Protein backbone atom coordinates (compact mmCIF):
# COMPACT_ATOMS: atom_id res chain seq x y z
CA UNK A 1 0.00 0.00 0.00
CA UNK A 2 1.39 3.39 -1.00
CA UNK A 3 1.32 6.32 1.41
CA UNK A 4 2.72 9.81 1.18
CA UNK A 5 2.07 13.46 0.60
CA UNK A 6 2.74 15.97 -2.16
CA UNK A 7 4.86 19.08 -2.00
CA UNK A 8 3.32 22.05 -0.22
CA UNK A 9 2.04 24.80 -2.53
CA UNK A 10 1.71 28.14 -0.76
CA UNK A 11 0.70 31.73 -1.52
CA UNK A 12 1.55 34.71 0.68
CA UNK A 13 -0.13 38.07 1.15
CA UNK A 14 1.80 40.91 2.77
CA UNK A 15 4.52 38.48 3.81
CA UNK A 16 2.13 36.15 5.66
CA UNK A 17 0.77 32.74 4.54
CA UNK A 18 -2.67 33.26 2.96
CA UNK A 19 -3.26 29.89 1.30
CA UNK A 20 -1.62 26.46 1.28
CA UNK A 21 -2.56 23.12 -0.27
CA UNK A 22 -1.15 19.61 -0.42
CA UNK A 23 -2.33 16.07 -1.10
CA UNK A 24 -2.14 13.25 1.42
CA UNK A 25 -2.44 9.71 0.02
CA UNK A 26 -3.11 6.37 1.71
CA UNK A 27 -3.61 3.49 -0.71
CA UNK A 28 -6.33 4.46 -3.18
CA UNK A 29 -7.65 7.32 -1.00
CA UNK A 30 -6.33 10.86 -1.49
CA UNK A 31 -7.24 13.99 0.44
CA UNK A 32 -6.56 17.52 -0.76
CA UNK A 33 -5.75 19.42 2.43
CA UNK A 34 -6.14 23.20 2.22
CA UNK A 35 -5.44 26.09 4.57
CA UNK A 36 -6.62 29.62 3.94
CA UNK A 37 -7.17 32.89 5.68
CA UNK A 38 -10.86 33.80 5.96
CA UNK A 39 -10.40 36.49 3.29
CA UNK A 40 -9.31 33.99 0.63
CA UNK A 41 -11.90 33.20 -2.06
CA UNK A 42 -10.15 30.61 -4.22
CA UNK A 43 -11.96 28.27 -6.60
CA UNK A 44 -10.74 25.17 -4.74
CA UNK A 45 -12.42 26.40 -1.56
CA UNK A 46 -15.90 26.70 -3.07
CA UNK A 47 -18.16 24.01 -1.53
CA UNK A 48 -15.25 22.52 0.41
CA UNK A 49 -15.76 21.03 3.86
CA UNK A 50 -14.58 22.97 6.92
CA UNK A 51 -14.71 21.89 10.58
CA UNK A 52 -16.92 24.90 11.39
CA UNK A 53 -19.65 23.86 8.93
CA UNK A 54 -23.00 22.66 10.27
CA UNK A 55 -22.49 19.13 8.95
CA UNK A 56 -19.48 17.38 10.42
CA UNK A 57 -19.66 14.74 7.69
CA UNK A 58 -17.01 14.68 4.98
CA UNK A 59 -18.34 13.79 1.52
CA UNK A 60 -16.13 11.37 -0.42
CA UNK A 61 -16.33 11.50 -4.21
CA UNK A 62 -14.92 9.20 -6.84
CA UNK A 63 -13.04 10.67 -9.80
PDB file of N, CA and C in Angstrom:
ATOM      1  N   UNK A   1       0.847  -1.167   0.000  1.00  0.00           N
ATOM      2  CA  UNK A   1       0.000   0.000   0.000  1.00  0.00           C
ATOM      3  C   UNK A   1       0.899   1.239   0.000  1.00  0.00           C
ATOM      4  N   UNK A   2       0.613   2.152  -0.909  1.00  0.00           N
ATOM      5  CA  UNK A   2       1.385   3.387  -1.001  1.00  0.00           C
ATOM      6  C   UNK A   2       0.822   4.447  -0.051  1.00  0.00           C
ATOM      7  N   UNK A   3       1.711   5.179   0.579  1.00  0.00           N
ATOM      8  CA  UNK A   3       1.318   6.318   1.406  1.00  0.00           C
ATOM      9  C   UNK A   3       2.280   7.460   1.137  1.00  0.00           C
ATOM     10  N   UNK A   4       1.831   8.680   1.363  1.00  0.00           N
ATOM     11  CA  UNK A   4       2.719   9.814   1.184  1.00  0.00           C
ATOM     12  C   UNK A   4       1.946  11.107   1.030  1.00  0.00           C
ATOM     13  N   UNK A   5       2.692  12.158   0.801  1.00  0.00           N
ATOM     14  CA  UNK A   5       2.070  13.463   0.596  1.00  0.00           C
ATOM     15  C   UNK A   5       2.813  14.210  -0.500  1.00  0.00           C
ATOM     16  N   UNK A   6       2.132  15.178  -1.094  1.00  0.00           N
ATOM     17  CA  UNK A   6       2.737  15.970  -2.163  1.00  0.00           C
ATOM     18  C   UNK A   6       3.531  17.125  -1.565  1.00  0.00           C
ATOM     19  N   UNK A   7       4.191  17.860  -2.431  1.00  0.00           N
ATOM     20  CA  UNK A   7       4.860  19.084  -1.998  1.00  0.00           C
ATOM     21  C   UNK A   7       3.816  20.103  -1.577  1.00  0.00           C
ATOM     22  N   UNK A   8       4.183  20.973  -0.694  1.00  0.00           N
ATOM     23  CA  UNK A   8       3.318  22.049  -0.223  1.00  0.00           C
ATOM     24  C   UNK A   8       3.346  23.188  -1.228  1.00  0.00           C
ATOM     25  N   UNK A   9       2.177  23.620  -1.668  1.00  0.00           N
ATOM     26  CA  UNK A   9       2.044  24.796  -2.533  1.00  0.00           C
ATOM     27  C   UNK A   9       1.476  25.904  -1.662  1.00  0.00           C
ATOM     28  N   UNK A  10       2.117  27.082  -1.675  1.00  0.00           N
ATOM     29  CA  UNK A  10       1.710  28.137  -0.760  1.00  0.00           C
ATOM     30  C   UNK A  10       1.702  29.496  -1.445  1.00  0.00           C
ATOM     31  N   UNK A  11       0.762  30.350  -1.037  1.00  0.00           N
ATOM     32  CA  UNK A  11       0.697  31.732  -1.517  1.00  0.00           C
ATOM     33  C   UNK A  11       0.716  32.655  -0.307  1.00  0.00           C
ATOM     34  N   UNK A  12       1.450  33.749  -0.415  1.00  0.00           N
ATOM     35  CA  UNK A  12       1.550  34.709   0.679  1.00  0.00           C
ATOM     36  C   UNK A  12       0.889  36.024   0.307  1.00  0.00           C
ATOM     37  N   UNK A  13       0.454  36.743   1.323  1.00  0.00           N
ATOM     38  CA  UNK A  13      -0.131  38.067   1.150  1.00  0.00           C
ATOM     39  C   UNK A  13       0.457  38.954   2.240  1.00  0.00           C
ATOM     40  N   UNK A  14       1.123  40.006   1.827  1.00  0.00           N
ATOM     41  CA  UNK A  14       1.795  40.910   2.768  1.00  0.00           C
ATOM     42  C   UNK A  14       2.790  40.178   3.663  1.00  0.00           C
ATOM     43  N   UNK A  15       3.496  39.208   3.083  1.00  0.00           N
ATOM     44  CA  UNK A  15       4.517  38.480   3.814  1.00  0.00           C
ATOM     45  C   UNK A  15       4.013  37.403   4.761  1.00  0.00           C
ATOM     46  N   UNK A  16       2.700  37.166   4.785  1.00  0.00           N
ATOM     47  CA  UNK A  16       2.128  36.146   5.661  1.00  0.00           C
ATOM     48  C   UNK A  16       1.451  35.068   4.829  1.00  0.00           C
ATOM     49  N   UNK A  17       1.467  33.809   5.281  1.00  0.00           N
ATOM     50  CA  UNK A  17       0.772  32.744   4.535  1.00  0.00           C
ATOM     51  C   UNK A  17      -0.723  33.055   4.421  1.00  0.00           C
ATOM     52  N   UNK A  18      -1.244  33.001   3.192  1.00  0.00           N
ATOM     53  CA  UNK A  18      -2.667  33.258   2.964  1.00  0.00           C
ATOM     54  C   UNK A  18      -3.388  31.996   2.506  1.00  0.00           C
ATOM     55  N   UNK A  19      -2.652  31.102   1.837  1.00  0.00           N
ATOM     56  CA  UNK A  19      -3.258  29.891   1.298  1.00  0.00           C
ATOM     57  C   UNK A  19      -2.183  28.828   1.158  1.00  0.00           C
ATOM     58  N   UNK A  20      -2.540  27.583   1.466  1.00  0.00           N
ATOM     59  CA  UNK A  20      -1.625  26.458   1.276  1.00  0.00           C
ATOM     60  C   UNK A  20      -2.449  25.231   0.918  1.00  0.00           C
ATOM     61  N   UNK A  21      -1.873  24.353   0.116  1.00  0.00           N
ATOM     62  CA  UNK A  21      -2.558  23.119  -0.269  1.00  0.00           C
ATOM     63  C   UNK A  21      -1.535  22.002  -0.472  1.00  0.00           C
ATOM     64  N   UNK A  22      -1.949  20.786  -0.158  1.00  0.00           N
ATOM     65  CA  UNK A  22      -1.147  19.608  -0.420  1.00  0.00           C
ATOM     66  C   UNK A  22      -2.065  18.401  -0.456  1.00  0.00           C
ATOM     67  N   UNK A  23      -1.582  17.321  -1.041  1.00  0.00           N
ATOM     68  CA  UNK A  23      -2.332  16.073  -1.098  1.00  0.00           C
ATOM     69  C   UNK A  23      -1.713  15.075  -0.132  1.00  0.00           C
ATOM     70  N   UNK A  24      -2.561  14.326   0.535  1.00  0.00           N
ATOM     71  CA  UNK A  24      -2.140  13.250   1.420  1.00  0.00           C
ATOM     72  C   UNK A  24      -2.776  11.979   0.876  1.00  0.00           C
ATOM     73  N   UNK A  25      -1.971  10.937   0.667  1.00  0.00           N
ATOM     74  CA  UNK A  25      -2.445   9.712   0.019  1.00  0.00           C
ATOM     75  C   UNK A  25      -2.188   8.503   0.907  1.00  0.00           C
ATOM     76  N   UNK A  26      -3.226   7.670   1.039  1.00  0.00           N
ATOM     77  CA  UNK A  26      -3.110   6.374   1.711  1.00  0.00           C
ATOM     78  C   UNK A  26      -3.803   5.359   0.815  1.00  0.00           C
ATOM     79  N   UNK A  27      -3.039   4.477   0.211  1.00  0.00           N
ATOM     80  CA  UNK A  27      -3.606   3.494  -0.713  1.00  0.00           C
ATOM     81  C   UNK A  27      -4.301   4.178  -1.873  1.00  0.00           C
ATOM     82  N   UNK A  28      -5.577   3.861  -2.075  1.00  0.00           N
ATOM     83  CA  UNK A  28      -6.329   4.456  -3.182  1.00  0.00           C
ATOM     84  C   UNK A  28      -7.141   5.680  -2.744  1.00  0.00           C
ATOM     85  N   UNK A  29      -6.939   6.149  -1.517  1.00  0.00           N
ATOM     86  CA  UNK A  29      -7.650   7.316  -1.000  1.00  0.00           C
ATOM     87  C   UNK A  29      -6.698   8.502  -0.962  1.00  0.00           C
ATOM     88  N   UNK A  30      -7.138   9.631  -1.514  1.00  0.00           N
ATOM     89  CA  UNK A  30      -6.330  10.863  -1.492  1.00  0.00           C
ATOM     90  C   UNK A  30      -7.175  11.996  -0.930  1.00  0.00           C
ATOM     91  N   UNK A  31      -6.561  12.821  -0.123  1.00  0.00           N
ATOM     92  CA  UNK A  31      -7.241  13.992   0.436  1.00  0.00           C
ATOM     93  C   UNK A  31      -6.459  15.232   0.052  1.00  0.00           C
ATOM     94  N   UNK A  32      -7.168  16.227  -0.459  1.00  0.00           N
ATOM     95  CA  UNK A  32      -6.565  17.522  -0.759  1.00  0.00           C
ATOM     96  C   UNK A  32      -6.768  18.393   0.479  1.00  0.00           C
ATOM     97  N   UNK A  33      -5.694  18.636   1.210  1.00  0.00           N
ATOM     98  CA  UNK A  33      -5.752  19.424   2.433  1.00  0.00           C
ATOM     99  C   UNK A  33      -5.457  20.878   2.070  1.00  0.00           C
ATOM    100  N   UNK A  34      -6.322  21.789   2.537  1.00  0.00           N
ATOM    101  CA  UNK A  34      -6.143  23.201   2.219  1.00  0.00           C
ATOM    102  C   UNK A  34      -6.220  24.044   3.479  1.00  0.00           C
ATOM    103  N   UNK A  35      -5.400  25.074   3.519  1.00  0.00           N
ATOM    104  CA  UNK A  35      -5.438  26.086   4.573  1.00  0.00           C
ATOM    105  C   UNK A  35      -5.664  27.421   3.891  1.00  0.00           C
ATOM    106  N   UNK A  36      -6.479  28.263   4.499  1.00  0.00           N
ATOM    107  CA  UNK A  36      -6.622  29.615   3.945  1.00  0.00           C
ATOM    108  C   UNK A  36      -7.046  30.591   5.029  1.00  0.00           C
ATOM    109  N   UNK A  37      -6.665  31.815   4.837  1.00  0.00           N
ATOM    110  CA  UNK A  37      -7.169  32.890   5.676  1.00  0.00           C
ATOM    111  C   UNK A  37      -8.635  33.091   5.311  1.00  0.00           C
ATOM    112  N   UNK A  38      -9.417  33.626   6.205  1.00  0.00           N
ATOM    113  CA  UNK A  38     -10.858  33.798   5.964  1.00  0.00           C
ATOM    114  C   UNK A  38     -11.152  34.731   4.795  1.00  0.00           C
ATOM    115  N   UNK A  39     -10.197  35.561   4.400  1.00  0.00           N
ATOM    116  CA  UNK A  39     -10.399  36.491   3.286  1.00  0.00           C
ATOM    117  C   UNK A  39     -10.150  35.858   1.923  1.00  0.00           C
ATOM    118  N   UNK A  40      -9.606  34.651   1.893  1.00  0.00           N
ATOM    119  CA  UNK A  40      -9.305  33.988   0.630  1.00  0.00           C
ATOM    120  C   UNK A  40     -10.578  33.450  -0.022  1.00  0.00           C
ATOM    121  N   UNK A  41     -10.726  33.669  -1.306  1.00  0.00           N
ATOM    122  CA  UNK A  41     -11.897  33.199  -2.060  1.00  0.00           C
ATOM    123  C   UNK A  41     -11.423  32.444  -3.304  1.00  0.00           C
ATOM    124  N   UNK A  42     -10.703  31.379  -3.102  1.00  0.00           N
ATOM    125  CA  UNK A  42     -10.148  30.612  -4.222  1.00  0.00           C
ATOM    126  C   UNK A  42     -11.138  29.562  -4.706  1.00  0.00           C
ATOM    127  N   UNK A  43     -11.028  29.223  -5.990  1.00  0.00           N
ATOM    128  CA  UNK A  43     -11.956  28.270  -6.605  1.00  0.00           C
ATOM    129  C   UNK A  43     -11.960  26.937  -5.862  1.00  0.00           C
ATOM    130  N   UNK A  44     -10.815  26.446  -5.436  1.00  0.00           N
ATOM    131  CA  UNK A  44     -10.737  25.166  -4.740  1.00  0.00           C
ATOM    132  C   UNK A  44     -11.450  25.151  -3.393  1.00  0.00           C
ATOM    133  N   UNK A  45     -11.748  26.324  -2.853  1.00  0.00           N
ATOM    134  CA  UNK A  45     -12.420  26.400  -1.564  1.00  0.00           C
ATOM    135  C   UNK A  45     -13.937  26.414  -1.679  1.00  0.00           C
ATOM    136  N   UNK A  46     -14.457  26.652  -2.877  1.00  0.00           N
ATOM    137  CA  UNK A  46     -15.903  26.696  -3.069  1.00  0.00           C
ATOM    138  C   UNK A  46     -16.485  25.319  -2.775  1.00  0.00           C
ATOM    139  N   UNK A  47     -17.478  25.252  -1.916  1.00  0.00           N
ATOM    140  CA  UNK A  47     -18.156  24.011  -1.529  1.00  0.00           C
ATOM    141  C   UNK A  47     -17.244  23.006  -0.818  1.00  0.00           C
ATOM    142  N   UNK A  48     -16.120  23.454  -0.315  1.00  0.00           N
ATOM    143  CA  UNK A  48     -15.255  22.520   0.410  1.00  0.00           C
ATOM    144  C   UNK A  48     -15.715  22.391   1.860  1.00  0.00           C
ATOM    145  N   UNK A  49     -15.364  21.276   2.488  1.00  0.00           N
ATOM    146  CA  UNK A  49     -15.755  21.027   3.863  1.00  0.00           C
ATOM    147  C   UNK A  49     -14.829  21.788   4.800  1.00  0.00           C
ATOM    148  N   UNK A  50     -15.363  22.290   5.888  1.00  0.00           N
ATOM    149  CA  UNK A  50     -14.584  22.973   6.919  1.00  0.00           C
ATOM    150  C   UNK A  50     -15.103  22.523   8.281  1.00  0.00           C
ATOM    151  N   UNK A  51     -14.243  22.361   9.270  1.00  0.00           N
ATOM    152  CA  UNK A  51     -14.709  21.889  10.585  1.00  0.00           C
ATOM    153  C   UNK A  51     -15.795  22.769  11.215  1.00  0.00           C
ATOM    154  N   UNK A  52     -15.902  24.016  10.809  1.00  0.00           N
ATOM    155  CA  UNK A  52     -16.921  24.900  11.391  1.00  0.00           C
ATOM    156  C   UNK A  52     -18.277  24.808  10.684  1.00  0.00           C
ATOM    157  N   UNK A  53     -18.378  23.986   9.637  1.00  0.00           N
ATOM    158  CA  UNK A  53     -19.652  23.858   8.933  1.00  0.00           C
ATOM    159  C   UNK A  53     -20.663  23.112   9.802  1.00  0.00           C
ATOM    160  N   UNK A  54     -21.926  23.288   9.490  1.00  0.00           N
ATOM    161  CA  UNK A  54     -22.998  22.662  10.273  1.00  0.00           C
ATOM    162  C   UNK A  54     -22.858  21.143  10.248  1.00  0.00           C
ATOM    163  N   UNK A  55     -22.640  20.579   9.074  1.00  0.00           N
ATOM    164  CA  UNK A  55     -22.489  19.131   8.951  1.00  0.00           C
ATOM    165  C   UNK A  55     -21.040  18.748   9.220  1.00  0.00           C
ATOM    166  N   UNK A  56     -20.829  17.834  10.112  1.00  0.00           N
ATOM    167  CA  UNK A  56     -19.481  17.378  10.420  1.00  0.00           C
ATOM    168  C   UNK A  56     -19.068  16.202   9.533  1.00  0.00           C
ATOM    169  N   UNK A  57     -19.939  15.855   8.574  1.00  0.00           N
ATOM    170  CA  UNK A  57     -19.661  14.736   7.690  1.00  0.00           C
ATOM    171  C   UNK A  57     -18.822  15.206   6.507  1.00  0.00           C
ATOM    172  N   UNK A  58     -17.841  14.412   6.148  1.00  0.00           N
ATOM    173  CA  UNK A  58     -17.014  14.678   4.981  1.00  0.00           C
ATOM    174  C   UNK A  58     -17.581  13.856   3.827  1.00  0.00           C
ATOM    175  N   UNK A  59     -17.807  14.474   2.685  1.00  0.00           N
ATOM    176  CA  UNK A  59     -18.336  13.787   1.520  1.00  0.00           C
ATOM    177  C   UNK A  59     -17.170  13.278   0.671  1.00  0.00           C
ATOM    178  N   UNK A  60     -17.152  11.976   0.419  1.00  0.00           N
ATOM    179  CA  UNK A  60     -16.130  11.370  -0.419  1.00  0.00           C
ATOM    180  C   UNK A  60     -16.681  11.201  -1.818  1.00  0.00           C
ATOM    181  N   UNK A  61     -15.916  11.598  -2.810  1.00  0.00           N
ATOM    182  CA  UNK A  61     -16.332  11.499  -4.210  1.00  0.00           C
ATOM    183  C   UNK A  61     -15.327  10.707  -5.001  1.00  0.00           C
ATOM    184  N   UNK A  62     -15.797   9.939  -5.938  1.00  0.00           N
ATOM    185  CA  UNK A  62     -14.922   9.204  -6.839  1.00  0.00           C
ATOM    186  C   UNK A  62     -14.646  10.021  -8.080  1.00  0.00           C
ATOM    187  N   UNK A  63     -13.412   9.942  -8.563  1.00  0.00           N
ATOM    188  CA  UNK A  63     -13.038  10.674  -9.796  1.00  0.00           C
ATOM    189  C   UNK A  63     -12.446   9.728 -10.798  1.00  0.00           C
TER     190      UNK A  63
END
